[in-house]
All heavy atoms as atom14 arrays in JSON, in Angstrom:
{
  "sequence": "DFSYEMTTMLSVDERETMRQAVVDDRTEWLTELLSEQIDDPS",
  "atom14_mask": [
    [1, 1, 1, 1, 1, 1, 1, 1, 0, 0, 0, 0, 0, 0],
    [1, 1, 1, 1, 1, 1, 1, 1, 1, 1, 1, 0, 0, 0],
    [1, 1, 1, 1, 1, 1, 0, 0, 0, 0, 0, 0, 0, 0],
    [1, 1, 1, 1, 1, 1, 1, 1, 1, 1, 1, 1, 0, 0],
    [1, 1, 1, 1, 1, 1, 1, 1, 1, 0, 0, 0, 0, 0],
    [1, 1, 1, 1, 1, 1, 1, 1, 0, 0, 0, 0, 0, 0],
    [1, 1, 1, 1, 1, 1, 1, 0, 0, 0, 0, 0, 0, 0],
    [1, 1, 1, 1, 1, 1, 1, 0, 0, 0, 0, 0, 0, 0],
    [1, 1, 1, 1, 1, 1, 1, 1, 0, 0, 0, 0, 0, 0],
    [1, 1, 1, 1, 1, 1, 1, 1, 0, 0, 0, 0, 0, 0],
    [1, 1, 1, 1, 1, 1, 0, 0, 0, 0, 0, 0, 0, 0],
    [1, 1, 1, 1, 1, 1, 1, 0, 0, 0, 0, 0, 0, 0],
    [1, 1, 1, 1, 1, 1, 1, 1, 0, 0, 0, 0, 0, 0],
    [1, 1, 1, 1, 1, 1, 1, 1, 1, 0, 0, 0, 0, 0],
    [1, 1, 1, 1, 1, 1, 1, 1, 1, 1, 1, 0, 0, 0],
    [1, 1, 1, 1, 1, 1, 1, 1, 1, 0, 0, 0, 0, 0],
    [1, 1, 1, 1, 1, 1, 1, 0, 0, 0, 0, 0, 0, 0],
    [1, 1, 1, 1, 1, 1, 1, 1, 0, 0, 0, 0, 0, 0],
    [1, 1, 1, 1, 1, 1, 1, 1, 1, 1, 1, 0, 0, 0],
    [1, 1, 1, 1, 1, 1, 1, 1, 1, 0, 0, 0, 0, 0],
    [1, 1, 1, 1, 1, 0, 0, 0, 0, 0, 0, 0, 0, 0],
    [1, 1, 1, 1, 1, 1, 1, 0, 0, 0, 0, 0, 0, 0],
    [1, 1, 1, 1, 1, 1, 1, 0, 0, 0, 0, 0, 0, 0],
    [1, 1, 1, 1, 1, 1, 1, 1, 0, 0, 0, 0, 0, 0],
    [1, 1, 1, 1, 1, 1, 1, 1, 0, 0, 0, 0, 0, 0],
    [1, 1, 1, 1, 1, 1, 1, 1, 1, 1, 1, 0, 0, 0],
    [1, 1, 1, 1, 1, 1, 1, 0, 0, 0, 0, 0, 0, 0],
    [1, 1, 1, 1, 1, 1, 1, 1, 1, 0, 0, 0, 0, 0],
    [1, 1, 1, 1, 1, 1, 1, 1, 1, 1, 1, 1, 1, 1],
    [1, 1, 1, 1, 1, 1, 1, 1, 0, 0, 0, 0, 0, 0],
    [1, 1, 1, 1, 1, 1, 1, 0, 0, 0, 0, 0, 0, 0],
    [1, 1, 1, 1, 1, 1, 1, 1, 1, 0, 0, 0, 0, 0],
    [1, 1, 1, 1, 1, 1, 1, 1, 0, 0, 0, 0, 0, 0],
    [1, 1, 1, 1, 1, 1, 1, 1, 0, 0, 0, 0, 0, 0],
    [1, 1, 1, 1, 1, 1, 0, 0, 0, 0, 0, 0, 0, 0],
    [1, 1, 1, 1, 1, 1, 1, 1, 1, 0, 0, 0, 0, 0],
    [1, 1, 1, 1, 1, 1, 1, 1, 1, 0, 0, 0, 0, 0],
    [1, 1, 1, 1, 1, 1, 1, 1, 0, 0, 0, 0, 0, 0],
    [1, 1, 1, 1, 1, 1, 1, 1, 0, 0, 0, 0, 0, 0],
    [1, 1, 1, 1, 1, 1, 1, 1, 0, 0, 0, 0, 0, 0],
    [1, 1, 1, 1, 1, 1, 1, 0, 0, 0, 0, 0, 0, 0],
    [1, 1, 1, 1, 1, 1, 0, 0, 0, 0, 0, 0, 0, 0]
  ],
  "atom14_positions": [
    [[153.39, 64.72, 67.21], [152.52, 65.77, 66.68], [153.38, 67.01, 66.47], [153.86, 67.61, 67.44], [151.37, 66.06, 67.65], [150.33, 67.0, 67.04], [150.7, 67.79, 66.14], [149.17, 66.96, 67.46], [0.0, 0.0, 0.0], [0.0, 0.0, 0.0], [0.0, 0.0, 0.0], [0.0, 0.0, 0.0], [0.0, 0.0, 0.0], [0.0, 0.0, 0.0]],
    [[153.58, 67.37, 65.22], [154.48, 68.48, 64.9], [154.0, 69.8, 65.5], [154.8, 70.7, 65.77], [154.61, 68.62, 63.38], [155.63, 69.63, 62.95], [156.99, 69.42, 63.19], [155.25, 70.81, 62.32], [157.94, 70.35, 62.8], [156.18, 71.74, 61.93], [157.53, 71.52, 62.17], [0.0, 0.0, 0.0], [0.0, 0.0, 0.0], [0.0, 0.0, 0.0]],
    [[152.71, 69.91, 65.73], [152.18, 71.18, 66.27], [152.76, 71.49, 67.65], [152.9, 72.66, 68.02], [150.65, 71.13, 66.34], [150.23, 70.13, 67.25], [0.0, 0.0, 0.0], [0.0, 0.0, 0.0], [0.0, 0.0, 0.0], [0.0, 0.0, 0.0], [0.0, 0.0, 0.0], [0.0, 0.0, 0.0], [0.0, 0.0, 0.0], [0.0, 0.0, 0.0]],
    [[153.13, 70.45, 68.4], [153.71, 70.68, 69.7], [155.13, 71.24, 69.61], [155.63, 71.85, 70.55], [153.71, 69.39, 70.53], [152.34, 69.02, 71.03], [151.49, 68.23, 70.28], [151.88, 69.49, 72.26], [150.23, 67.89, 70.72], [150.61, 69.17, 72.72], [149.79, 68.37, 71.94], [148.53, 68.05, 72.39], [0.0, 0.0, 0.0], [0.0, 0.0, 0.0]],
    [[155.78, 71.01, 68.49], [157.12, 71.55, 68.29], [157.07, 73.0, 67.81], [158.09, 73.68, 67.78], [157.88, 70.7, 67.26], [157.88, 69.21, 67.55], [158.58, 68.87, 68.86], [159.41, 69.66, 69.31], [158.26, 67.8, 69.42], [0.0, 0.0, 0.0], [0.0, 0.0, 0.0], [0.0, 0.0, 0.0], [0.0, 0.0, 0.0], [0.0, 0.0, 0.0]],
    [[155.89, 73.46, 67.4], [155.75, 74.8, 66.83], [155.29, 75.84, 67.85], [155.09, 76.99, 67.51], [154.74, 74.76, 65.66], [155.17, 73.86, 64.51], [156.68, 74.44, 63.72], [156.05, 75.94, 62.94], [0.0, 0.0, 0.0], [0.0, 0.0, 0.0], [0.0, 0.0, 0.0], [0.0, 0.0, 0.0], [0.0, 0.0, 0.0], [0.0, 0.0, 0.0]],
    [[155.11, 75.39, 69.07], [154.66, 76.33, 70.11], [155.84, 77.15, 70.62], [156.32, 76.98, 71.74], [154.0, 75.56, 71.27], [154.9, 74.53, 71.7], [152.69, 74.93, 70.83], [0.0, 0.0, 0.0], [0.0, 0.0, 0.0], [0.0, 0.0, 0.0], [0.0, 0.0, 0.0], [0.0, 0.0, 0.0], [0.0, 0.0, 0.0], [0.0, 0.0, 0.0]],
    [[156.33, 78.05, 69.77], [157.56, 78.79, 70.07], [157.39, 79.78, 71.22], [158.37, 80.21, 71.81], [158.01, 79.56, 68.82], [156.93, 80.37, 68.35], [158.44, 78.59, 67.72], [0.0, 0.0, 0.0], [0.0, 0.0, 0.0], [0.0, 0.0, 0.0], [0.0, 0.0, 0.0], [0.0, 0.0, 0.0], [0.0, 0.0, 0.0], [0.0, 0.0, 0.0]],
    [[156.14, 80.12, 71.52], [155.92, 81.07, 72.62], [156.12, 80.4, 73.98], [156.25, 81.07, 75.0], [154.51, 81.67, 72.53], [154.29, 82.52, 71.29], [152.62, 83.21, 71.22], [152.62, 84.24, 72.71], [0.0, 0.0, 0.0], [0.0, 0.0, 0.0], [0.0, 0.0, 0.0], [0.0, 0.0, 0.0], [0.0, 0.0, 0.0], [0.0, 0.0, 0.0]],
    [[156.15, 79.07, 73.98], [156.32, 78.36, 75.23], [157.79, 78.04, 75.47], [158.59, 77.92, 74.53], [155.53, 77.05, 75.21], [154.01, 77.19, 75.02], [153.38, 75.81, 74.92], [153.38, 78.0, 76.15], [0.0, 0.0, 0.0], [0.0, 0.0, 0.0], [0.0, 0.0, 0.0], [0.0, 0.0, 0.0], [0.0, 0.0, 0.0], [0.0, 0.0, 0.0]],
    [[158.15, 77.86, 76.71], [159.51, 77.49, 77.05], [159.74, 76.01, 76.74], [158.79, 75.26, 76.49], [159.77, 77.74, 78.53], [159.0, 76.84, 79.32], [0.0, 0.0, 0.0], [0.0, 0.0, 0.0], [0.0, 0.0, 0.0], [0.0, 0.0, 0.0], [0.0, 0.0, 0.0], [0.0, 0.0, 0.0], [0.0, 0.0, 0.0], [0.0, 0.0, 0.0]],
    [[161.0, 75.59, 76.76], [161.32, 74.19, 76.54], [160.62, 73.31, 77.56], [160.07, 72.25, 77.22], [162.84, 73.98, 76.59], [163.17, 72.5, 76.52], [163.53, 74.73, 75.46], [0.0, 0.0, 0.0], [0.0, 0.0, 0.0], [0.0, 0.0, 0.0], [0.0, 0.0, 0.0], [0.0, 0.0, 0.0], [0.0, 0.0, 0.0], [0.0, 0.0, 0.0]],
    [[160.63, 73.72, 78.81], [159.98, 72.94, 79.87], [158.48, 72.83, 79.65], [157.88, 71.78, 79.89], [160.27, 73.57, 81.24], [161.71, 73.37, 81.68], [162.38, 72.51, 81.09], [162.16, 74.09, 82.59], [0.0, 0.0, 0.0], [0.0, 0.0, 0.0], [0.0, 0.0, 0.0], [0.0, 0.0, 0.0], [0.0, 0.0, 0.0], [0.0, 0.0, 0.0]],
    [[157.87, 73.93, 79.2], [156.43, 73.91, 78.97], [156.07, 72.99, 77.8], [155.07, 72.26, 77.87], [155.92, 75.33, 78.7], [155.91, 76.22, 79.95], [155.6, 77.66, 79.63], [156.03, 78.15, 78.55], [154.94, 78.33, 80.46], [0.0, 0.0, 0.0], [0.0, 0.0, 0.0], [0.0, 0.0, 0.0], [0.0, 0.0, 0.0], [0.0, 0.0, 0.0]],
    [[156.89, 73.03, 76.75], [156.64, 72.13, 75.63], [156.81, 70.67, 76.05], [156.04, 69.8, 75.65], [157.58, 72.46, 74.45], [157.22, 73.73, 73.71], [157.83, 73.75, 72.31], [159.28, 73.75, 72.35], [160.04, 74.84, 72.44], [159.45, 76.04, 72.52], [161.35, 74.77, 72.45], [0.0, 0.0, 0.0], [0.0, 0.0, 0.0], [0.0, 0.0, 0.0]],
    [[157.81, 70.41, 76.88], [158.03, 69.06, 77.36], [156.86, 68.59, 78.22], [156.43, 67.43, 78.15], [159.33, 68.99, 78.16], [159.62, 67.62, 78.77], [159.68, 66.51, 77.75], [160.12, 66.76, 76.62], [159.26, 65.38, 78.08], [0.0, 0.0, 0.0], [0.0, 0.0, 0.0], [0.0, 0.0, 0.0], [0.0, 0.0, 0.0], [0.0, 0.0, 0.0]],
    [[156.31, 69.49, 79.01], [155.15, 69.16, 79.84], [153.95, 68.8, 78.97], [153.21, 67.85, 79.25], [154.8, 70.33, 80.76], [155.89, 70.61, 81.63], [153.56, 70.01, 81.6], [0.0, 0.0, 0.0], [0.0, 0.0, 0.0], [0.0, 0.0, 0.0], [0.0, 0.0, 0.0], [0.0, 0.0, 0.0], [0.0, 0.0, 0.0], [0.0, 0.0, 0.0]],
    [[153.77, 69.57, 77.89], [152.66, 69.28, 76.97], [152.84, 67.93, 76.3], [151.9, 67.14, 76.2], [152.57, 70.39, 75.92], [152.12, 71.74, 76.46], [152.11, 73.02, 75.18], [150.84, 72.41, 74.09], [0.0, 0.0, 0.0], [0.0, 0.0, 0.0], [0.0, 0.0, 0.0], [0.0, 0.0, 0.0], [0.0, 0.0, 0.0], [0.0, 0.0, 0.0]],
    [[154.06, 67.66, 75.85], [154.33, 66.36, 75.2], [154.09, 65.21, 76.18], [153.5, 64.19, 75.82], [155.76, 66.31, 74.68], [156.0, 67.14, 73.43], [157.33, 66.77, 72.77], [158.46, 67.13, 73.59], [159.13, 68.28, 73.5], [158.76, 69.19, 72.61], [160.16, 68.52, 74.28], [0.0, 0.0, 0.0], [0.0, 0.0, 0.0], [0.0, 0.0, 0.0]],
    [[154.55, 65.39, 77.42], [154.37, 64.33, 78.41], [152.9, 64.08, 78.72], [152.49, 62.94, 78.95], [155.13, 64.68, 79.71], [155.18, 63.55, 80.71], [155.84, 62.31, 80.15], [156.92, 62.39, 79.56], [155.2, 61.15, 80.3], [0.0, 0.0, 0.0], [0.0, 0.0, 0.0], [0.0, 0.0, 0.0], [0.0, 0.0, 0.0], [0.0, 0.0, 0.0]],
    [[152.11, 65.16, 78.68], [150.67, 65.01, 78.91], [150.03, 64.15, 77.82], [149.16, 63.31, 78.09], [150.0, 66.38, 78.97], [0.0, 0.0, 0.0], [0.0, 0.0, 0.0], [0.0, 0.0, 0.0], [0.0, 0.0, 0.0], [0.0, 0.0, 0.0], [0.0, 0.0, 0.0], [0.0, 0.0, 0.0], [0.0, 0.0, 0.0], [0.0, 0.0, 0.0]],
    [[150.48, 64.35, 76.58], [149.97, 63.54, 75.47], [150.4, 62.09, 75.63], [149.62, 61.16, 75.44], [150.46, 64.1, 74.11], [149.97, 63.21, 72.97], [149.97, 65.52, 73.91], [0.0, 0.0, 0.0], [0.0, 0.0, 0.0], [0.0, 0.0, 0.0], [0.0, 0.0, 0.0], [0.0, 0.0, 0.0], [0.0, 0.0, 0.0], [0.0, 0.0, 0.0]],
    [[151.67, 61.88, 76.0], [152.18, 60.52, 76.21], [151.39, 59.83, 77.32], [151.01, 58.66, 77.18], [153.69, 60.55, 76.56], [154.16, 59.17, 77.03], [154.5, 61.01, 75.36], [0.0, 0.0, 0.0], [0.0, 0.0, 0.0], [0.0, 0.0, 0.0], [0.0, 0.0, 0.0], [0.0, 0.0, 0.0], [0.0, 0.0, 0.0], [0.0, 0.0, 0.0]],
    [[151.14, 60.55, 78.41], [150.37, 59.96, 79.52], [148.96, 59.59, 79.09], [148.44, 58.53, 79.48], [150.32, 60.95, 80.69], [151.68, 61.14, 81.34], [152.57, 60.31, 81.12], [151.84, 62.14, 82.08], [0.0, 0.0, 0.0], [0.0, 0.0, 0.0], [0.0, 0.0, 0.0], [0.0, 0.0, 0.0], [0.0, 0.0, 0.0], [0.0, 0.0, 0.0]],
    [[148.34, 60.46, 78.28], [146.99, 60.18, 77.81], [146.96, 58.93, 76.94], [146.09, 58.07, 77.07], [146.47, 61.39, 77.03], [145.08, 61.14, 76.45], [144.11, 61.13, 77.23], [144.98, 60.94, 75.22], [0.0, 0.0, 0.0], [0.0, 0.0, 0.0], [0.0, 0.0, 0.0], [0.0, 0.0, 0.0], [0.0, 0.0, 0.0], [0.0, 0.0, 0.0]],
    [[147.93, 58.81, 76.02], [148.01, 57.65, 75.14], [148.36, 56.38, 75.92], [147.9, 55.28, 75.58], [149.03, 57.88, 74.04], [148.65, 58.96, 73.04], [147.64, 58.42, 72.02], [146.25, 58.44, 72.5], [145.24, 57.86, 71.89], [145.46, 57.16, 70.78], [144.03, 57.93, 72.37], [0.0, 0.0, 0.0], [0.0, 0.0, 0.0], [0.0, 0.0, 0.0]],
    [[149.16, 56.53, 76.96], [149.5, 55.38, 77.8], [148.26, 54.86, 78.51], [148.05, 53.63, 78.61], [150.58, 55.75, 78.82], [151.75, 56.23, 78.13], [150.97, 54.56, 79.68], [0.0, 0.0, 0.0], [0.0, 0.0, 0.0], [0.0, 0.0, 0.0], [0.0, 0.0, 0.0], [0.0, 0.0, 0.0], [0.0, 0.0, 0.0], [0.0, 0.0, 0.0]],
    [[147.44, 55.76, 78.98], [146.19, 55.36, 79.64], [145.28, 54.64, 78.64], [144.68, 53.61, 78.96], [145.49, 56.59, 80.21], [144.2, 56.26, 80.95], [143.54, 57.5, 81.54], [144.19, 58.57, 81.57], [142.37, 57.4, 81.96], [0.0, 0.0, 0.0], [0.0, 0.0, 0.0], [0.0, 0.0, 0.0], [0.0, 0.0, 0.0], [0.0, 0.0, 0.0]],
    [[145.18, 55.19, 77.41], [144.37, 54.53, 76.37], [144.9, 53.14, 76.07], [144.13, 52.18, 75.95], [144.4, 55.39, 75.11], [143.81, 54.7, 73.9], [142.49, 54.6, 73.59], [144.52, 54.0, 72.88], [142.33, 53.88, 72.42], [143.56, 53.5, 71.96], [145.87, 53.75, 72.64], [143.92, 52.77, 70.83], [146.23, 53.01, 71.51], [145.27, 52.53, 70.62]],
    [[146.21, 53.01, 75.96], [146.82, 51.72, 75.62], [146.62, 50.72, 76.74], [146.32, 49.54, 76.49], [148.31, 51.91, 75.33], [149.11, 50.65, 74.96], [148.47, 49.9, 73.81], [150.55, 51.02, 74.63], [0.0, 0.0, 0.0], [0.0, 0.0, 0.0], [0.0, 0.0, 0.0], [0.0, 0.0, 0.0], [0.0, 0.0, 0.0], [0.0, 0.0, 0.0]],
    [[146.74, 51.16, 77.97], [146.55, 50.26, 79.11], [145.12, 49.72, 79.15], [144.89, 48.54, 79.4], [146.87, 51.0, 80.42], [148.22, 51.49, 80.37], [146.72, 50.08, 81.62], [0.0, 0.0, 0.0], [0.0, 0.0, 0.0], [0.0, 0.0, 0.0], [0.0, 0.0, 0.0], [0.0, 0.0, 0.0], [0.0, 0.0, 0.0], [0.0, 0.0, 0.0]],
    [[144.15, 50.6, 78.87], [142.75, 50.17, 78.83], [142.51, 49.2, 77.68], [141.79, 48.2, 77.83], [141.83, 51.39, 78.68], [141.79, 52.29, 79.92], [140.92, 53.52, 79.71], [140.35, 53.65, 78.6], [140.81, 54.33, 80.64], [0.0, 0.0, 0.0], [0.0, 0.0, 0.0], [0.0, 0.0, 0.0], [0.0, 0.0, 0.0], [0.0, 0.0, 0.0]],
    [[143.14, 49.48, 76.53], [142.99, 48.59, 75.37], [143.51, 47.2, 75.7], [142.88, 46.2, 75.36], [143.72, 49.19, 74.17], [143.62, 48.43, 72.85], [143.56, 49.4, 71.67], [144.82, 47.49, 72.66], [0.0, 0.0, 0.0], [0.0, 0.0, 0.0], [0.0, 0.0, 0.0], [0.0, 0.0, 0.0], [0.0, 0.0, 0.0], [0.0, 0.0, 0.0]],
    [[144.66, 47.13, 76.35], [145.23, 45.84, 76.71], [144.33, 45.07, 77.67], [144.16, 43.85, 77.54], [146.62, 46.03, 77.32], [147.71, 46.59, 76.4], [148.99, 46.83, 77.17], [147.96, 45.65, 75.23], [0.0, 0.0, 0.0], [0.0, 0.0, 0.0], [0.0, 0.0, 0.0], [0.0, 0.0, 0.0], [0.0, 0.0, 0.0], [0.0, 0.0, 0.0]],
    [[143.77, 45.77, 78.63], [142.9, 45.1, 79.6], [141.64, 44.56, 78.94], [141.09, 43.55, 79.36], [142.52, 46.07, 80.72], [141.72, 47.14, 80.24], [0.0, 0.0, 0.0], [0.0, 0.0, 0.0], [0.0, 0.0, 0.0], [0.0, 0.0, 0.0], [0.0, 0.0, 0.0], [0.0, 0.0, 0.0], [0.0, 0.0, 0.0], [0.0, 0.0, 0.0]],
    [[141.19, 45.21, 77.86], [139.99, 44.78, 77.16], [140.27, 43.61, 76.21], [139.4, 42.76, 76.01], [139.41, 45.95, 76.36], [138.85, 47.08, 77.22], [138.51, 48.31, 76.39], [138.76, 48.28, 75.15], [138.01, 49.3, 76.97], [0.0, 0.0, 0.0], [0.0, 0.0, 0.0], [0.0, 0.0, 0.0], [0.0, 0.0, 0.0], [0.0, 0.0, 0.0]],
    [[141.45, 43.59, 75.61], [141.71, 42.63, 74.54], [142.55, 41.42, 74.96], [142.71, 40.49, 74.18], [142.39, 43.35, 73.35], [141.51, 44.42, 72.75], [141.98, 44.88, 71.39], [142.82, 44.26, 70.74], [141.43, 46.0, 70.93], [0.0, 0.0, 0.0], [0.0, 0.0, 0.0], [0.0, 0.0, 0.0], [0.0, 0.0, 0.0], [0.0, 0.0, 0.0]],
    [[143.07, 41.42, 76.17], [143.85, 40.27, 76.64], [143.12, 39.62, 77.79], [142.98, 40.2, 78.88], [145.27, 40.69, 77.06], [146.01, 41.26, 75.84], [146.03, 39.51, 77.65], [147.4, 41.71, 76.11], [0.0, 0.0, 0.0], [0.0, 0.0, 0.0], [0.0, 0.0, 0.0], [0.0, 0.0, 0.0], [0.0, 0.0, 0.0], [0.0, 0.0, 0.0]],
    [[142.64, 38.41, 77.57], [141.83, 37.71, 78.56], [142.68, 36.88, 79.52], [142.23, 36.56, 80.62], [140.83, 36.78, 77.86], [139.86, 37.55, 76.96], [139.51, 38.69, 77.33], [139.49, 37.02, 75.9], [0.0, 0.0, 0.0], [0.0, 0.0, 0.0], [0.0, 0.0, 0.0], [0.0, 0.0, 0.0], [0.0, 0.0, 0.0], [0.0, 0.0, 0.0]],
    [[143.87, 36.5, 79.1], [144.7, 35.6, 79.9], [145.55, 36.39, 80.9], [146.52, 37.06, 80.51], [145.6, 34.78, 78.98], [146.37, 33.7, 79.73], [146.33, 33.69, 80.97], [147.0, 32.86, 79.05], [0.0, 0.0, 0.0], [0.0, 0.0, 0.0], [0.0, 0.0, 0.0], [0.0, 0.0, 0.0], [0.0, 0.0, 0.0], [0.0, 0.0, 0.0]],
    [[145.23, 36.34, 82.18], [145.99, 37.11, 83.18], [147.41, 36.6, 83.38], [148.25, 37.29, 83.97], [145.16, 36.95, 84.45], [144.41, 35.67, 84.26], [144.14, 35.58, 82.79], [0.0, 0.0, 0.0], [0.0, 0.0, 0.0], [0.0, 0.0, 0.0], [0.0, 0.0, 0.0], [0.0, 0.0, 0.0], [0.0, 0.0, 0.0], [0.0, 0.0, 0.0]],
    [[147.7, 35.4, 82.9], [149.03, 34.84, 83.08], [150.04, 35.43, 82.09], [151.25, 35.27, 82.27], [149.0, 33.32, 82.93], [148.68, 32.94, 81.6], [0.0, 0.0, 0.0], [0.0, 0.0, 0.0], [0.0, 0.0, 0.0], [0.0, 0.0, 0.0], [0.0, 0.0, 0.0], [0.0, 0.0, 0.0], [0.0, 0.0, 0.0], [0.0, 0.0, 0.0]]
  ]
}
């Protein structure tokens, strides 16, 4: 998301924290999607 790169008022660490929060959110969504769509536990 390019908007996260445009937050010039934030420090590098703060921007990285924001990006990681988005990654974590999408990871949670993906994990739930996999649990719903894959029936074979093996």
